[in-house]
Amino acid sequence: MIILFDLDGTIIDSTDAILESFHHTFDVHKVIHAKDDEIKALVGYPLDVMFRDLGIKKGEVWNFVATYKEHYRKISTQKTYLLSSAKEAIEMASEFAVLGIVTTKTGEYSRILMENFGLMDYFEVLIGREDVENPKPHAEPILKAIDILDSKMKEVWMIGDTKLDLICAKNAGVNSIGVLSGYDSLETIEKYTDIVCSDALEAVKFLKNRKI
């Protein structure tokens, strides 16, 4: 079995780092700040899409992204937290499955975060934003991960907290579990998957019991 995890809202909570980096960027570029709820509603999308949807002009978006990344890199490890029971979920999953991470975050920063938590060694692959041309909900991130992991004859599951994760799984032709530990509501998640769990640990327990 292959289990692919999303990061934000599934394994980690980097809300503080994300919000601070957005507001820092708005300050630097002297534009009106978006509200926190508006920013959080877009978590999971690539940064350029987030800034564009928050009203930044197309020609200026990449300057905003660069400013954001510069600040985020400085604060991410101090202001990102493991979700409750996430470590237990990863340790349990590693006992019966090959693990990977599929995220829209920058892969470089994602590796730093997971190494900071002492968890990177559990994962055979990490696909970040810079590793694909087409991020979630396109199938490419998952397809690239399972190609690296050689998924022949293996059952593949994607665990994530937003519709982007679940649509990505459907587009890639793999199974999905939605978790309620992150950014999308139960009502939204239920539209895109038949299996909904409270968090990653409950999802892993479901898969472990199913395998027995």
N, C-alpha and C. Protein backbone atom coordinates (compact mmCIF):
# COMPACT_ATOMS: atom_id res chain seq x y z
N MET A 1 0.84 -1.20 0.00
CA MET A 1 0.00 0.00 0.00
C MET A 1 0.87 1.25 0.00
N ILE A 2 0.44 2.26 -0.73
CA ILE A 2 1.08 3.58 -0.71
C ILE A 2 0.12 4.58 -0.09
N ILE A 3 0.59 5.34 0.88
CA ILE A 3 -0.21 6.40 1.48
C ILE A 3 0.49 7.73 1.23
N LEU A 4 -0.22 8.64 0.59
CA LEU A 4 0.29 9.98 0.31
C LEU A 4 -0.43 10.96 1.22
N PHE A 5 0.35 11.79 1.89
CA PHE A 5 -0.21 12.78 2.81
C PHE A 5 -0.06 14.19 2.23
N ASP A 6 -1.11 14.99 2.37
CA ASP A 6 -0.98 16.43 2.23
C ASP A 6 -0.28 16.94 3.48
N LEU A 7 0.18 18.19 3.47
CA LEU A 7 0.83 18.75 4.66
C LEU A 7 -0.09 19.68 5.45
N ASP A 8 -0.32 20.89 4.94
CA ASP A 8 -1.09 21.89 5.70
C ASP A 8 -2.50 21.40 5.98
N GLY A 9 -2.84 21.35 7.25
CA GLY A 9 -4.18 20.93 7.65
C GLY A 9 -4.34 19.43 7.79
N THR A 10 -3.33 18.68 7.36
CA THR A 10 -3.37 17.23 7.44
C THR A 10 -2.32 16.70 8.41
N ILE A 11 -1.09 17.20 8.28
CA ILE A 11 0.02 16.82 9.15
C ILE A 11 0.47 18.00 10.01
N ILE A 12 0.48 19.19 9.43
CA ILE A 12 0.98 20.37 10.13
C ILE A 12 -0.04 21.49 10.15
N ASP A 13 0.17 22.42 11.08
CA ASP A 13 -0.60 23.67 11.13
C ASP A 13 0.39 24.82 10.97
N SER A 14 0.42 25.40 9.78
CA SER A 14 1.31 26.53 9.54
C SER A 14 0.52 27.81 9.34
N THR A 15 -0.69 27.84 9.89
CA THR A 15 -1.56 29.00 9.72
C THR A 15 -0.89 30.29 10.18
N ASP A 16 -0.24 30.25 11.34
CA ASP A 16 0.42 31.46 11.86
C ASP A 16 1.49 31.96 10.91
N ALA A 17 2.30 31.03 10.40
CA ALA A 17 3.38 31.41 9.48
C ALA A 17 2.82 31.94 8.16
N ILE A 18 1.75 31.32 7.69
CA ILE A 18 1.13 31.75 6.42
C ILE A 18 0.54 33.15 6.57
N LEU A 19 -0.24 33.37 7.62
CA LEU A 19 -0.89 34.67 7.80
C LEU A 19 0.15 35.77 8.00
N GLU A 20 1.15 35.50 8.85
CA GLU A 20 2.18 36.52 9.07
C GLU A 20 2.90 36.86 7.77
N SER A 21 3.18 35.86 6.96
CA SER A 21 3.90 36.10 5.71
C SER A 21 3.06 36.87 4.71
N PHE A 22 1.77 36.61 4.68
CA PHE A 22 0.89 37.39 3.81
C PHE A 22 0.83 38.83 4.25
N HIS A 23 0.63 39.06 5.54
CA HIS A 23 0.51 40.44 6.02
C HIS A 23 1.83 41.19 5.89
N HIS A 24 2.94 40.50 6.10
CA HIS A 24 4.25 41.12 5.86
C HIS A 24 4.36 41.55 4.39
N THR A 25 3.92 40.70 3.50
CA THR A 25 3.99 41.01 2.07
C THR A 25 3.12 42.20 1.71
N PHE A 26 1.92 42.25 2.27
CA PHE A 26 1.04 43.40 2.02
C PHE A 26 1.67 44.68 2.53
N ASP A 27 2.33 44.60 3.68
CA ASP A 27 3.02 45.78 4.22
C ASP A 27 4.14 46.25 3.29
N VAL A 28 4.98 45.31 2.87
CA VAL A 28 6.12 45.64 2.02
C VAL A 28 5.67 46.31 0.73
N HIS A 29 4.60 45.79 0.15
CA HIS A 29 4.13 46.30 -1.14
C HIS A 29 3.07 47.39 -1.00
N LYS A 30 2.78 47.74 0.25
CA LYS A 30 1.89 48.86 0.55
C LYS A 30 0.52 48.74 -0.14
N VAL A 31 -0.11 47.59 0.10
CA VAL A 31 -1.47 47.38 -0.41
C VAL A 31 -2.39 47.07 0.76
N ILE A 32 -3.68 47.18 0.54
CA ILE A 32 -4.66 46.88 1.58
C ILE A 32 -4.60 45.40 1.94
N HIS A 33 -4.60 45.12 3.22
CA HIS A 33 -4.49 43.74 3.68
C HIS A 33 -5.78 42.97 3.44
N ALA A 34 -5.64 41.74 2.98
CA ALA A 34 -6.78 40.83 2.95
C ALA A 34 -7.09 40.39 4.38
N LYS A 35 -8.31 39.98 4.63
CA LYS A 35 -8.70 39.49 5.95
C LYS A 35 -8.17 38.07 6.14
N ASP A 36 -7.93 37.71 7.40
CA ASP A 36 -7.40 36.38 7.70
C ASP A 36 -8.28 35.28 7.13
N ASP A 37 -9.60 35.42 7.27
CA ASP A 37 -10.51 34.38 6.77
C ASP A 37 -10.43 34.25 5.25
N GLU A 38 -10.19 35.35 4.57
CA GLU A 38 -10.05 35.30 3.12
C GLU A 38 -8.78 34.55 2.72
N ILE A 39 -7.72 34.77 3.48
CA ILE A 39 -6.47 34.07 3.21
C ILE A 39 -6.61 32.58 3.50
N LYS A 40 -7.17 32.25 4.66
CA LYS A 40 -7.30 30.84 5.05
C LYS A 40 -8.20 30.06 4.09
N ALA A 41 -9.16 30.74 3.50
CA ALA A 41 -10.06 30.06 2.56
C ALA A 41 -9.34 29.60 1.30
N LEU A 42 -8.15 30.14 1.06
CA LEU A 42 -7.40 29.80 -0.15
C LEU A 42 -6.21 28.89 0.12
N VAL A 43 -5.98 28.53 1.37
CA VAL A 43 -4.85 27.66 1.69
C VAL A 43 -5.01 26.33 0.95
N GLY A 44 -3.93 25.92 0.32
CA GLY A 44 -3.96 24.71 -0.50
C GLY A 44 -3.71 25.03 -1.96
N TYR A 45 -4.07 26.26 -2.36
CA TYR A 45 -3.79 26.70 -3.71
C TYR A 45 -2.35 27.21 -3.79
N PRO A 46 -1.74 27.24 -4.99
CA PRO A 46 -0.41 27.83 -5.15
C PRO A 46 -0.44 29.30 -4.73
N LEU A 47 0.70 29.82 -4.29
CA LEU A 47 0.78 31.20 -3.80
C LEU A 47 0.35 32.21 -4.86
N ASP A 48 0.75 31.99 -6.12
CA ASP A 48 0.37 32.95 -7.16
C ASP A 48 -1.13 33.02 -7.33
N VAL A 49 -1.79 31.87 -7.20
CA VAL A 49 -3.26 31.84 -7.29
C VAL A 49 -3.87 32.54 -6.09
N MET A 50 -3.31 32.31 -4.91
CA MET A 50 -3.83 32.95 -3.70
C MET A 50 -3.75 34.47 -3.81
N PHE A 51 -2.58 34.98 -4.19
CA PHE A 51 -2.43 36.43 -4.29
C PHE A 51 -3.35 37.00 -5.37
N ARG A 52 -3.46 36.30 -6.47
CA ARG A 52 -4.34 36.79 -7.54
C ARG A 52 -5.79 36.85 -7.07
N ASP A 53 -6.22 35.79 -6.38
CA ASP A 53 -7.60 35.75 -5.90
C ASP A 53 -7.85 36.75 -4.78
N LEU A 54 -6.78 37.22 -4.16
CA LEU A 54 -6.90 38.25 -3.12
C LEU A 54 -6.81 39.66 -3.70
N GLY A 55 -6.77 39.75 -5.02
CA GLY A 55 -6.86 41.05 -5.68
C GLY A 55 -5.58 41.64 -6.22
N ILE A 56 -4.48 40.89 -6.13
CA ILE A 56 -3.21 41.41 -6.65
C ILE A 56 -3.20 41.28 -8.18
N LYS A 57 -2.76 42.30 -8.86
CA LYS A 57 -2.75 42.31 -10.33
C LYS A 57 -1.79 41.25 -10.86
N LYS A 58 -2.16 40.67 -11.98
CA LYS A 58 -1.41 39.56 -12.56
C LYS A 58 0.07 39.90 -12.75
N GLY A 59 0.35 41.11 -13.19
CA GLY A 59 1.72 41.50 -13.45
C GLY A 59 2.57 41.68 -12.21
N GLU A 60 1.92 41.75 -11.03
CA GLU A 60 2.64 41.98 -9.78
C GLU A 60 2.72 40.74 -8.90
N VAL A 61 1.99 39.71 -9.27
CA VAL A 61 1.83 38.54 -8.41
C VAL A 61 3.16 37.91 -8.02
N TRP A 62 4.07 37.72 -8.98
CA TRP A 62 5.31 37.00 -8.67
C TRP A 62 6.23 37.79 -7.76
N ASN A 63 6.14 39.13 -7.79
CA ASN A 63 6.89 39.94 -6.83
C ASN A 63 6.38 39.70 -5.41
N PHE A 64 5.05 39.58 -5.30
CA PHE A 64 4.44 39.29 -4.00
C PHE A 64 4.85 37.90 -3.51
N VAL A 65 4.85 36.95 -4.42
CA VAL A 65 5.25 35.58 -4.05
C VAL A 65 6.68 35.55 -3.54
N ALA A 66 7.57 36.28 -4.21
CA ALA A 66 8.98 36.31 -3.80
C ALA A 66 9.14 36.91 -2.41
N THR A 67 8.41 37.99 -2.14
CA THR A 67 8.46 38.63 -0.83
C THR A 67 7.94 37.68 0.25
N TYR A 68 6.83 37.03 -0.06
CA TYR A 68 6.23 36.06 0.87
C TYR A 68 7.23 34.97 1.21
N LYS A 69 7.84 34.36 0.19
CA LYS A 69 8.75 33.23 0.41
C LYS A 69 9.97 33.64 1.25
N GLU A 70 10.46 34.83 1.00
CA GLU A 70 11.63 35.30 1.74
C GLU A 70 11.32 35.38 3.23
N HIS A 71 10.12 35.88 3.56
CA HIS A 71 9.75 36.00 4.97
C HIS A 71 9.39 34.64 5.55
N TYR A 72 8.62 33.85 4.80
CA TYR A 72 8.18 32.54 5.28
C TYR A 72 9.37 31.65 5.63
N ARG A 73 10.41 31.71 4.79
CA ARG A 73 11.60 30.90 5.02
C ARG A 73 12.22 31.21 6.39
N LYS A 74 12.14 32.47 6.82
CA LYS A 74 12.75 32.88 8.08
C LYS A 74 11.97 32.41 9.30
N ILE A 75 10.65 32.30 9.17
CA ILE A 75 9.81 32.05 10.35
C ILE A 75 9.14 30.68 10.36
N SER A 76 9.22 29.94 9.27
CA SER A 76 8.38 28.75 9.14
C SER A 76 8.59 27.72 10.24
N THR A 77 9.84 27.45 10.60
CA THR A 77 10.06 26.40 11.60
C THR A 77 9.62 26.84 12.99
N GLN A 78 9.65 28.14 13.26
CA GLN A 78 9.24 28.63 14.58
C GLN A 78 7.72 28.74 14.71
N LYS A 79 7.04 28.90 13.58
CA LYS A 79 5.59 29.17 13.65
C LYS A 79 4.76 28.12 12.92
N THR A 80 5.31 26.92 12.81
CA THR A 80 4.57 25.79 12.26
C THR A 80 4.56 24.68 13.30
N TYR A 81 3.42 24.03 13.45
CA TYR A 81 3.25 23.05 14.53
C TYR A 81 2.71 21.74 13.96
N LEU A 82 3.13 20.65 14.55
CA LEU A 82 2.55 19.36 14.20
C LEU A 82 1.13 19.29 14.74
N LEU A 83 0.21 18.81 13.93
CA LEU A 83 -1.14 18.60 14.42
C LEU A 83 -1.15 17.46 15.44
N SER A 84 -2.09 17.53 16.35
CA SER A 84 -2.22 16.50 17.37
C SER A 84 -2.33 15.12 16.74
N SER A 85 -1.55 14.19 17.22
CA SER A 85 -1.51 12.79 16.79
C SER A 85 -0.95 12.58 15.38
N ALA A 86 -0.43 13.64 14.73
CA ALA A 86 0.14 13.49 13.39
C ALA A 86 1.35 12.57 13.40
N LYS A 87 2.22 12.73 14.40
CA LYS A 87 3.41 11.88 14.48
C LYS A 87 3.01 10.42 14.66
N GLU A 88 2.03 10.18 15.51
CA GLU A 88 1.55 8.81 15.72
C GLU A 88 0.99 8.23 14.43
N ALA A 89 0.29 9.08 13.67
CA ALA A 89 -0.29 8.64 12.40
C ALA A 89 0.80 8.21 11.43
N ILE A 90 1.84 9.00 11.33
CA ILE A 90 2.94 8.70 10.41
C ILE A 90 3.68 7.44 10.84
N GLU A 91 3.96 7.32 12.13
CA GLU A 91 4.66 6.14 12.63
C GLU A 91 3.84 4.88 12.39
N MET A 92 2.55 4.94 12.64
CA MET A 92 1.68 3.79 12.42
C MET A 92 1.60 3.43 10.94
N ALA A 93 1.45 4.44 10.09
CA ALA A 93 1.33 4.20 8.65
C ALA A 93 2.59 3.54 8.09
N SER A 94 3.75 3.93 8.64
CA SER A 94 5.02 3.39 8.14
C SER A 94 5.17 1.91 8.42
N GLU A 95 4.35 1.38 9.34
CA GLU A 95 4.44 -0.04 9.69
C GLU A 95 3.83 -0.94 8.62
N PHE A 96 2.94 -0.39 7.78
CA PHE A 96 2.28 -1.25 6.80
C PHE A 96 2.18 -0.64 5.40
N ALA A 97 2.79 0.56 5.20
CA ALA A 97 2.67 1.21 3.90
C ALA A 97 3.93 1.98 3.55
N VAL A 98 4.10 2.27 2.27
CA VAL A 98 5.14 3.17 1.79
C VAL A 98 4.53 4.58 1.80
N LEU A 99 5.27 5.56 2.32
CA LEU A 99 4.69 6.88 2.54
C LEU A 99 5.30 7.94 1.63
N GLY A 100 4.45 8.90 1.27
CA GLY A 100 4.90 10.05 0.49
C GLY A 100 4.14 11.29 0.91
N ILE A 101 4.67 12.45 0.53
CA ILE A 101 4.02 13.73 0.77
C ILE A 101 3.75 14.38 -0.59
N VAL A 102 2.53 14.86 -0.75
CA VAL A 102 2.16 15.60 -1.96
C VAL A 102 1.55 16.92 -1.51
N THR A 103 2.26 18.01 -1.76
CA THR A 103 1.86 19.31 -1.24
C THR A 103 2.00 20.39 -2.30
N THR A 104 1.27 21.48 -2.11
CA THR A 104 1.43 22.64 -2.97
C THR A 104 2.43 23.63 -2.37
N LYS A 105 2.89 23.35 -1.16
CA LYS A 105 3.95 24.16 -0.56
C LYS A 105 5.25 23.96 -1.35
N THR A 106 6.16 24.88 -1.21
CA THR A 106 7.48 24.71 -1.79
C THR A 106 8.15 23.48 -1.17
N GLY A 107 8.62 22.57 -2.01
CA GLY A 107 9.19 21.33 -1.52
C GLY A 107 10.38 21.55 -0.61
N GLU A 108 11.23 22.52 -0.95
CA GLU A 108 12.41 22.81 -0.14
C GLU A 108 12.03 23.15 1.29
N TYR A 109 11.04 24.04 1.45
CA TYR A 109 10.61 24.43 2.79
C TYR A 109 9.89 23.29 3.50
N SER A 110 9.18 22.48 2.73
CA SER A 110 8.46 21.35 3.31
C SER A 110 9.43 20.33 3.90
N ARG A 111 10.52 20.08 3.20
CA ARG A 111 11.53 19.15 3.71
C ARG A 111 12.16 19.68 5.00
N ILE A 112 12.45 20.98 5.00
CA ILE A 112 13.03 21.60 6.19
C ILE A 112 12.10 21.43 7.39
N LEU A 113 10.81 21.66 7.17
CA LEU A 113 9.83 21.52 8.24
C LEU A 113 9.77 20.09 8.76
N MET A 114 9.69 19.13 7.84
CA MET A 114 9.57 17.74 8.26
C MET A 114 10.85 17.25 8.93
N GLU A 115 11.99 17.73 8.47
CA GLU A 115 13.25 17.39 9.14
C GLU A 115 13.29 18.01 10.54
N ASN A 116 12.76 19.22 10.66
CA ASN A 116 12.70 19.88 11.96
C ASN A 116 11.87 19.09 12.96
N PHE A 117 10.83 18.42 12.46
CA PHE A 117 9.98 17.60 13.32
C PHE A 117 10.52 16.17 13.46
N GLY A 118 11.61 15.87 12.77
CA GLY A 118 12.19 14.53 12.86
C GLY A 118 11.38 13.47 12.14
N LEU A 119 10.64 13.86 11.10
CA LEU A 119 9.73 12.93 10.43
C LEU A 119 10.06 12.66 8.97
N MET A 120 11.01 13.38 8.39
CA MET A 120 11.25 13.25 6.96
C MET A 120 11.70 11.85 6.57
N ASP A 121 12.40 11.17 7.45
CA ASP A 121 12.93 9.84 7.13
C ASP A 121 11.83 8.80 6.93
N TYR A 122 10.62 9.09 7.37
CA TYR A 122 9.52 8.16 7.17
C TYR A 122 8.99 8.17 5.73
N PHE A 123 9.35 9.19 4.97
CA PHE A 123 8.77 9.38 3.64
C PHE A 123 9.77 9.06 2.53
N GLU A 124 9.30 8.31 1.56
CA GLU A 124 10.13 7.93 0.42
C GLU A 124 10.17 9.00 -0.66
N VAL A 125 9.18 9.88 -0.68
CA VAL A 125 9.11 10.91 -1.71
C VAL A 125 8.37 12.13 -1.16
N LEU A 126 8.76 13.30 -1.63
CA LEU A 126 8.05 14.53 -1.32
C LEU A 126 7.92 15.32 -2.62
N ILE A 127 6.69 15.55 -3.04
CA ILE A 127 6.44 16.34 -4.25
C ILE A 127 5.91 17.70 -3.82
N GLY A 128 6.68 18.75 -4.14
CA GLY A 128 6.28 20.12 -3.81
C GLY A 128 5.92 20.89 -5.06
N ARG A 129 5.62 22.18 -4.86
CA ARG A 129 5.15 23.01 -5.97
C ARG A 129 6.14 23.07 -7.12
N GLU A 130 7.44 23.15 -6.80
CA GLU A 130 8.44 23.30 -7.85
C GLU A 130 8.72 22.01 -8.60
N ASP A 131 8.14 20.91 -8.15
CA ASP A 131 8.40 19.62 -8.78
C ASP A 131 7.43 19.30 -9.92
N VAL A 132 6.41 20.14 -10.10
CA VAL A 132 5.40 19.87 -11.13
C VAL A 132 5.07 21.14 -11.90
N GLU A 133 4.57 20.96 -13.09
CA GLU A 133 4.06 22.10 -13.86
C GLU A 133 2.63 22.43 -13.44
N ASN A 134 1.88 21.38 -13.12
CA ASN A 134 0.46 21.54 -12.80
C ASN A 134 0.17 21.07 -11.38
N PRO A 135 -0.04 22.00 -10.44
CA PRO A 135 -0.29 21.61 -9.04
C PRO A 135 -1.72 21.07 -8.86
N LYS A 136 -2.00 20.60 -7.65
CA LYS A 136 -3.36 20.19 -7.32
C LYS A 136 -4.34 21.31 -7.72
N PRO A 137 -5.51 20.96 -8.24
CA PRO A 137 -6.13 19.63 -8.28
C PRO A 137 -5.78 18.77 -9.50
N HIS A 138 -4.84 19.23 -10.32
CA HIS A 138 -4.37 18.43 -11.44
C HIS A 138 -3.79 17.12 -10.91
N ALA A 139 -3.84 16.06 -11.72
CA ALA A 139 -3.36 14.75 -11.30
C ALA A 139 -1.84 14.66 -11.19
N GLU A 140 -1.12 15.60 -11.82
CA GLU A 140 0.33 15.47 -11.95
C GLU A 140 1.08 15.22 -10.64
N PRO A 141 0.81 15.94 -9.56
CA PRO A 141 1.59 15.71 -8.32
C PRO A 141 1.49 14.27 -7.81
N ILE A 142 0.29 13.72 -7.80
CA ILE A 142 0.12 12.34 -7.33
C ILE A 142 0.74 11.36 -8.32
N LEU A 143 0.53 11.58 -9.61
CA LEU A 143 1.08 10.67 -10.61
C LEU A 143 2.60 10.65 -10.55
N LYS A 144 3.20 11.81 -10.31
CA LYS A 144 4.66 11.86 -10.20
C LYS A 144 5.14 11.11 -8.96
N ALA A 145 4.42 11.27 -7.85
CA ALA A 145 4.80 10.58 -6.62
C ALA A 145 4.73 9.06 -6.79
N ILE A 146 3.64 8.58 -7.35
CA ILE A 146 3.48 7.12 -7.45
C ILE A 146 4.38 6.53 -8.53
N ASP A 147 4.76 7.34 -9.51
CA ASP A 147 5.72 6.88 -10.50
C ASP A 147 7.08 6.65 -9.85
N ILE A 148 7.47 7.58 -8.97
CA ILE A 148 8.74 7.43 -8.25
C ILE A 148 8.70 6.23 -7.31
N LEU A 149 7.53 6.01 -6.72
CA LEU A 149 7.39 4.93 -5.74
C LEU A 149 7.12 3.57 -6.38
N ASP A 150 6.96 3.53 -7.70
CA ASP A 150 6.69 2.28 -8.41
C ASP A 150 5.46 1.60 -7.83
N SER A 151 4.31 2.12 -8.21
CA SER A 151 3.05 1.72 -7.58
C SER A 151 2.43 0.46 -8.17
N LYS A 152 3.11 -0.20 -9.07
CA LYS A 152 2.53 -1.40 -9.68
C LYS A 152 2.08 -2.39 -8.60
N MET A 153 0.85 -2.83 -8.73
CA MET A 153 0.26 -3.82 -7.82
C MET A 153 0.07 -3.29 -6.40
N LYS A 154 0.24 -1.99 -6.21
CA LYS A 154 0.01 -1.42 -4.88
C LYS A 154 -1.25 -0.55 -4.88
N GLU A 155 -1.98 -0.64 -3.78
CA GLU A 155 -3.14 0.22 -3.58
C GLU A 155 -2.64 1.60 -3.14
N VAL A 156 -3.19 2.66 -3.72
CA VAL A 156 -2.72 4.01 -3.42
C VAL A 156 -3.84 4.84 -2.79
N TRP A 157 -3.51 5.53 -1.69
CA TRP A 157 -4.47 6.39 -0.99
C TRP A 157 -3.87 7.78 -0.80
N MET A 158 -4.70 8.78 -0.98
CA MET A 158 -4.34 10.17 -0.69
C MET A 158 -5.14 10.64 0.50
N ILE A 159 -4.45 11.19 1.52
CA ILE A 159 -5.13 11.74 2.70
C ILE A 159 -4.93 13.25 2.68
N GLY A 160 -6.04 14.00 2.70
CA GLY A 160 -5.93 15.46 2.65
C GLY A 160 -7.14 16.14 3.25
N ASP A 161 -6.99 17.44 3.50
CA ASP A 161 -8.03 18.19 4.22
C ASP A 161 -8.82 19.16 3.34
N THR A 162 -8.48 19.25 2.04
CA THR A 162 -9.22 20.17 1.18
C THR A 162 -9.71 19.46 -0.08
N LYS A 163 -10.65 20.09 -0.75
CA LYS A 163 -11.17 19.52 -1.99
C LYS A 163 -10.08 19.37 -3.04
N LEU A 164 -9.05 20.21 -2.97
CA LEU A 164 -7.96 20.11 -3.94
C LEU A 164 -7.26 18.76 -3.85
N ASP A 165 -7.03 18.28 -2.62
CA ASP A 165 -6.42 16.97 -2.42
C ASP A 165 -7.30 15.86 -2.98
N LEU A 166 -8.59 15.97 -2.73
CA LEU A 166 -9.52 14.91 -3.10
C LEU A 166 -9.79 14.89 -4.59
N ILE A 167 -9.87 16.07 -5.20
CA ILE A 167 -10.05 16.14 -6.66
C ILE A 167 -8.78 15.65 -7.35
N CYS A 168 -7.63 16.01 -6.81
CA CYS A 168 -6.36 15.53 -7.34
C CYS A 168 -6.32 14.00 -7.33
N ALA A 169 -6.76 13.40 -6.22
CA ALA A 169 -6.79 11.95 -6.11
C ALA A 169 -7.71 11.34 -7.17
N LYS A 170 -8.88 11.92 -7.33
CA LYS A 170 -9.83 11.41 -8.33
C LYS A 170 -9.25 11.52 -9.73
N ASN A 171 -8.63 12.66 -10.02
CA ASN A 171 -8.04 12.87 -11.34
C ASN A 171 -6.91 11.89 -11.62
N ALA A 172 -6.21 11.49 -10.54
CA ALA A 172 -5.09 10.55 -10.69
C ALA A 172 -5.54 9.09 -10.63
N GLY A 173 -6.81 8.88 -10.34
CA GLY A 173 -7.34 7.53 -10.30
C GLY A 173 -6.95 6.74 -9.06
N VAL A 174 -6.76 7.46 -7.92
CA VAL A 174 -6.41 6.78 -6.67
C VAL A 174 -7.49 7.03 -5.63
N ASN A 175 -7.43 6.29 -4.54
CA ASN A 175 -8.40 6.41 -3.46
C ASN A 175 -8.10 7.64 -2.60
N SER A 176 -9.13 8.13 -1.91
CA SER A 176 -8.92 9.31 -1.08
C SER A 176 -9.66 9.21 0.25
N ILE A 177 -9.09 9.90 1.25
CA ILE A 177 -9.74 10.09 2.54
C ILE A 177 -9.65 11.57 2.88
N GLY A 178 -10.78 12.16 3.20
CA GLY A 178 -10.80 13.55 3.64
C GLY A 178 -10.72 13.63 5.15
N VAL A 179 -9.93 14.58 5.65
CA VAL A 179 -9.83 14.76 7.10
C VAL A 179 -10.32 16.16 7.49
N LEU A 180 -10.84 16.24 8.71
CA LEU A 180 -11.48 17.48 9.17
C LEU A 180 -10.56 18.31 10.06
N SER A 181 -9.27 18.05 10.00
CA SER A 181 -8.30 18.75 10.85
C SER A 181 -7.78 20.04 10.24
N GLY A 182 -8.26 20.36 9.03
CA GLY A 182 -7.69 21.48 8.30
C GLY A 182 -8.66 22.56 7.89
N TYR A 183 -8.67 22.85 6.60
CA TYR A 183 -9.27 24.09 6.12
C TYR A 183 -10.65 23.97 5.47
N ASP A 184 -11.00 22.80 4.95
CA ASP A 184 -12.32 22.67 4.33
C ASP A 184 -13.32 22.04 5.29
N SER A 185 -14.58 22.36 5.09
CA SER A 185 -15.64 21.89 5.98
C SER A 185 -16.07 20.47 5.62
N LEU A 186 -16.78 19.84 6.54
CA LEU A 186 -17.35 18.52 6.29
C LEU A 186 -18.24 18.55 5.06
N GLU A 187 -19.05 19.58 4.95
CA GLU A 187 -19.96 19.70 3.82
C GLU A 187 -19.21 19.69 2.49
N THR A 188 -18.08 20.41 2.45
CA THR A 188 -17.29 20.45 1.23
C THR A 188 -16.61 19.13 0.96
N ILE A 189 -15.98 18.56 1.99
CA ILE A 189 -15.22 17.32 1.81
C ILE A 189 -16.11 16.18 1.36
N GLU A 190 -17.33 16.12 1.91
CA GLU A 190 -18.24 15.03 1.56
C GLU A 190 -18.65 15.04 0.09
N LYS A 191 -18.47 16.16 -0.57
CA LYS A 191 -18.80 16.25 -2.01
C LYS A 191 -17.76 15.53 -2.87
N TYR A 192 -16.57 15.30 -2.29
CA TYR A 192 -15.46 14.82 -3.13
C TYR A 192 -14.88 13.48 -2.71
N THR A 193 -15.33 12.93 -1.59
CA THR A 193 -14.86 11.60 -1.18
C THR A 193 -15.94 10.91 -0.36
N ASP A 194 -15.89 9.59 -0.37
CA ASP A 194 -16.86 8.81 0.40
C ASP A 194 -16.36 8.51 1.81
N ILE A 195 -15.08 8.79 2.07
CA ILE A 195 -14.50 8.46 3.37
C ILE A 195 -14.00 9.72 4.04
N VAL A 196 -14.55 10.02 5.21
CA VAL A 196 -14.18 11.23 5.95
C VAL A 196 -13.78 10.82 7.37
N CYS A 197 -12.62 11.30 7.82
CA CYS A 197 -12.14 11.01 9.17
C CYS A 197 -11.83 12.31 9.90
N SER A 198 -11.72 12.23 11.21
CA SER A 198 -11.48 13.44 11.98
C SER A 198 -10.07 13.99 11.76
N ASP A 199 -9.11 13.09 11.59
CA ASP A 199 -7.73 13.53 11.41
C ASP A 199 -6.92 12.42 10.74
N ALA A 200 -5.62 12.66 10.56
CA ALA A 200 -4.77 11.69 9.86
C ALA A 200 -4.67 10.38 10.62
N LEU A 201 -4.64 10.43 11.95
CA LEU A 201 -4.54 9.20 12.72
C LEU A 201 -5.76 8.31 12.51
N GLU A 202 -6.93 8.89 12.55
CA GLU A 202 -8.14 8.10 12.31
C GLU A 202 -8.13 7.52 10.89
N ALA A 203 -7.62 8.30 9.94
CA ALA A 203 -7.54 7.82 8.56
C ALA A 203 -6.58 6.63 8.45
N VAL A 204 -5.44 6.73 9.11
CA VAL A 204 -4.46 5.64 9.07
C VAL A 204 -5.01 4.40 9.76
N LYS A 205 -5.70 4.58 10.88
CA LYS A 205 -6.31 3.43 11.56
C LYS A 205 -7.33 2.75 10.66
N PHE A 206 -8.08 3.55 9.92
CA PHE A 206 -9.05 2.99 8.96
C PHE A 206 -8.33 2.11 7.95
N LEU A 207 -7.22 2.61 7.41
CA LEU A 207 -6.48 1.85 6.39
C LEU A 207 -5.80 0.63 7.00
N LYS A 208 -5.32 0.74 8.21
CA LYS A 208 -4.68 -0.39 8.87
C LYS A 208 -5.70 -1.51 9.12
N ASN A 209 -6.87 -1.16 9.61
CA ASN A 209 -7.91 -2.15 9.87
C ASN A 209 -8.40 -2.78 8.57
N ARG A 210 -8.42 -1.98 7.54
CA ARG A 210 -8.86 -2.48 6.22
C ARG A 210 -7.88 -3.48 5.65
N LYS A 211 -6.61 -3.31 5.98
CA LYS A 211 -5.55 -4.16 5.46
C LYS A 211 -5.50 -5.50 6.17
N ILE A 212 -5.91 -5.50 7.41
CA ILE A 212 -5.84 -6.74 8.21
C ILE A 212 -6.75 -7.82 7.62
